[in-house]
Amino acid sequence: MEEVSVINTILVPAGHETQAELVRAEYINYFSKQPGFVSSTFYKSLAREQDGSLKYINIVVWASNEAFEQVVNQGFTNEQGQNQDGMRVLGKGFLPPIIVSPGQYQVIAKNT
């Protein structure tokens, strides 16, 4: 099975940075206890957008797409994105005005 990277771009308005970082920490604490979790890396832009907002990138690596889907499970099928544990997954744990753009990717090339 191939690892799957869930890459979320997170646009955080000025003044909401702490909230975004706390929500991300809560979710990584939850995800890290789930079968198939491999790692997570969190990035913050070095520069602000013109409106003062910051971009973050959160990358969560899962052992397989199946492992990812088991954690997200019913989060795919309801508007709140709640999984079987009541966690709002697929970026829906971040409340407005924070904007999350989630996506699932696989590595096609890696250079070291």
Protein backbone atom coordinates (compact mmCIF):
# COMPACT_ATOMS: atom_id res chain seq x y z
CA MET A 1 0.00 0.00 0.00
CA GLU A 2 1.14 3.52 -0.77
CA GLU A 3 1.27 6.31 1.75
CA VAL A 4 -1.21 9.14 1.27
CA SER A 5 -0.49 12.76 2.12
CA VAL A 6 -3.42 14.92 3.17
CA ILE A 7 -2.34 18.48 2.39
CA ASN A 8 -4.45 21.32 3.75
CA THR A 9 -3.91 24.92 2.80
CA ILE A 10 -5.24 27.11 5.61
CA LEU A 11 -5.88 30.85 5.17
CA VAL A 12 -5.95 32.53 8.59
CA PRO A 13 -7.09 36.15 9.00
CA ALA A 14 -4.95 38.40 11.21
CA GLY A 15 -5.76 37.86 14.87
CA HIS A 16 -6.84 34.21 14.42
CA GLU A 17 -3.39 32.62 14.29
CA THR A 18 -3.48 31.25 17.85
CA GLN A 19 -6.93 29.75 17.28
CA ALA A 20 -5.76 28.02 14.09
CA GLU A 21 -2.64 26.64 15.73
CA LEU A 22 -4.63 25.31 18.71
CA VAL A 23 -7.21 23.62 16.47
CA ARG A 24 -4.45 22.00 14.43
CA ALA A 25 -2.73 20.76 17.62
CA GLU A 26 -6.00 19.24 18.86
CA TYR A 27 -6.49 17.36 15.60
CA ILE A 28 -2.93 16.10 15.38
CA ASN A 29 -3.23 14.85 18.96
CA TYR A 30 -6.31 12.88 17.86
CA PHE A 31 -4.89 11.70 14.51
CA SER A 32 -1.58 10.59 16.01
CA LYS A 33 -3.45 8.01 18.13
CA GLN A 34 -5.20 6.47 15.10
CA PRO A 35 -4.01 3.36 13.23
CA GLY A 36 -2.12 4.26 10.06
CA PHE A 37 -0.98 7.73 11.16
CA VAL A 38 2.60 8.27 9.98
CA SER A 39 3.49 11.93 10.55
CA SER A 40 2.43 15.54 10.37
CA THR A 41 4.30 18.67 9.36
CA PHE A 42 2.94 22.19 9.85
CA TYR A 43 4.19 25.20 7.88
CA LYS A 44 3.55 28.92 8.31
CA SER A 45 4.17 31.47 5.57
CA LEU A 46 7.06 33.86 6.11
CA ALA A 47 5.03 36.75 4.70
CA ARG A 48 1.49 37.98 5.23
CA GLU A 49 -1.02 38.44 2.44
CA GLN A 50 -2.04 41.99 1.47
CA ASP A 51 -5.06 41.78 3.78
CA GLY A 52 -2.86 40.75 6.73
CA SER A 53 -3.84 37.08 6.69
CA LEU A 54 -1.33 34.24 6.92
CA LYS A 55 -1.18 31.02 4.94
CA TYR A 56 -0.45 27.75 6.68
CA ILE A 57 0.13 24.31 5.16
CA ASN A 58 -0.57 21.17 7.17
CA ILE A 59 0.60 17.85 5.78
CA VAL A 60 -0.59 14.64 7.43
CA VAL A 61 0.82 11.39 6.09
CA TRP A 62 -1.20 8.17 6.40
CA ALA A 63 0.11 4.65 5.80
CA SER A 64 -2.57 4.15 3.12
CA ASN A 65 -5.70 5.70 1.71
CA GLU A 66 -7.64 3.00 3.56
CA ALA A 67 -6.16 4.13 6.90
CA PHE A 68 -7.11 7.73 6.12
CA GLU A 69 -10.64 6.73 5.12
CA GLN A 70 -11.12 4.69 8.32
CA VAL A 71 -10.38 7.77 10.42
CA VAL A 72 -12.47 10.14 8.32
CA ASN A 73 -15.20 7.53 7.62
CA GLN A 74 -18.63 9.18 7.82
CA GLY A 75 -17.04 12.65 7.72
CA PHE A 76 -17.30 12.33 3.94
CA THR A 77 -21.08 11.99 4.08
CA ASN A 78 -22.33 14.75 6.37
CA GLU A 79 -22.19 18.52 6.09
CA GLN A 80 -20.43 18.98 9.45
CA GLY A 81 -17.68 16.52 8.45
CA GLN A 82 -18.07 14.60 11.71
CA ASN A 83 -16.47 11.18 11.89
CA GLN A 84 -17.54 8.30 14.14
CA ASP A 85 -15.65 9.86 17.09
CA GLY A 86 -17.42 13.20 16.71
CA MET A 87 -14.35 14.95 15.32
CA ARG A 88 -14.99 17.43 12.50
CA VAL A 89 -12.55 16.18 9.87
CA LEU A 90 -11.65 17.25 6.32
CA GLY A 91 -10.72 20.74 7.53
CA LYS A 92 -14.15 21.42 9.03
CA GLY A 93 -12.80 21.73 12.57
CA PHE A 94 -11.51 25.19 11.66
CA LEU A 95 -14.35 27.66 12.10
CA PRO A 96 -14.91 30.79 9.99
CA PRO A 97 -13.30 33.12 9.19
CA ILE A 98 -10.51 30.54 8.78
CA ILE A 99 -10.65 28.94 5.32
CA VAL A 100 -9.31 25.42 4.71
CA SER A 101 -8.73 23.80 1.32
CA PRO A 102 -8.09 20.07 1.89
CA GLY A 103 -6.79 17.53 -0.60
CA GLN A 104 -5.37 13.99 -0.71
CA TYR A 105 -2.18 13.32 -2.66
CA GLN A 106 0.28 10.53 -3.35
CA VAL A 107 4.02 10.98 -3.94
CA ILE A 108 4.99 10.53 -7.58
CA ALA A 109 8.61 11.68 -7.29
CA LYS A 110 11.00 12.24 -4.40
CA ASN A 111 14.52 13.63 -4.62
CA THR A 112 17.02 13.67 -1.79
